[in-house]
């Protein structure tokens, strides 16, 4: 299936072979150890993650529940009348669909998918960069895109990528995409990274956003067995990145189509302000976790560290 499609999701694999995602995940891990494939984005892709990049058709079917939960939580950061930049990607496309309901919003983007999601939003102004169309992810790249961002200043940049580590920050597999993402970052007072748990601990070829530039990470709840993701989350928090975790609830047996799972949200509070962060530059996520008693928040952080 990977050879035929370039990528496949764990949920689809579980459905086809009629077993649990836990079993499929273990088998995929064994195949990765043999060098037959790479685990990526809640699924598997052909080997060569540092140089290969899945196209939009493959990415759009991976980690869909996680992307939905992340987009729901990230949309709560955006306020009426704000000006933001939104980068290319399937997760940012999900975010854009929710931003269509925010009145007075101005969105600058190099993504045709983001622009399409906002095209019929009457009270949202969309500003597109110039540049050359990169067909694999429907994004505008190159010097034209970068030059059109010069002199721009917005409140936040929402970006995704191929991998995220505490050591290198956000990275991607394509040089042109990385260059435009860096230009988007330069235009924003804050940087919000949208990445599902499968990208945590994954490092790809081109760095786009160093860790010390990332203001906030919006991600989903790592599975209990995923020590790598939990360790990376703690390392990112230790470096001053504000972590917001969106839970999508338990998956249905068999991985088939089902009603959306109940959303849950929580923040991982930080003990200190980020070095170099502008005073008043952003507001905390509006979630139920912000109203929890302090002991419960401490217990939640302790649980994350143990995992």
Foldseek 3Di string as FASTA:
>chain_A
DQVVQQKDALLVVCLVVVHFSVVSVVVVVVCVVVQQWADFQRTIGGPDQQADDAFPVRQLRGPVLFLLLLLVQVLLQDAAQFEEEEEFDNSSLSNLLVCLPRANYEYEYQAPSSCVSNVPSPRYHYHYFAADADRRGRGHWDPRRLVRLPPAAGQEYEYEEGAAALQFGGFHNDPRSLVNLLSSLVRHLAYEYEDELRRYPDDYHGGRDGLLRHAEYEYEDDPPPCPRSLVRVVSSLVQNYWYKYKYFDDADPSSDDDDGGDIAIATQDHPDHRPPRDVPSGDDRPHPNVVDDPVVSVVVVVVSVVD
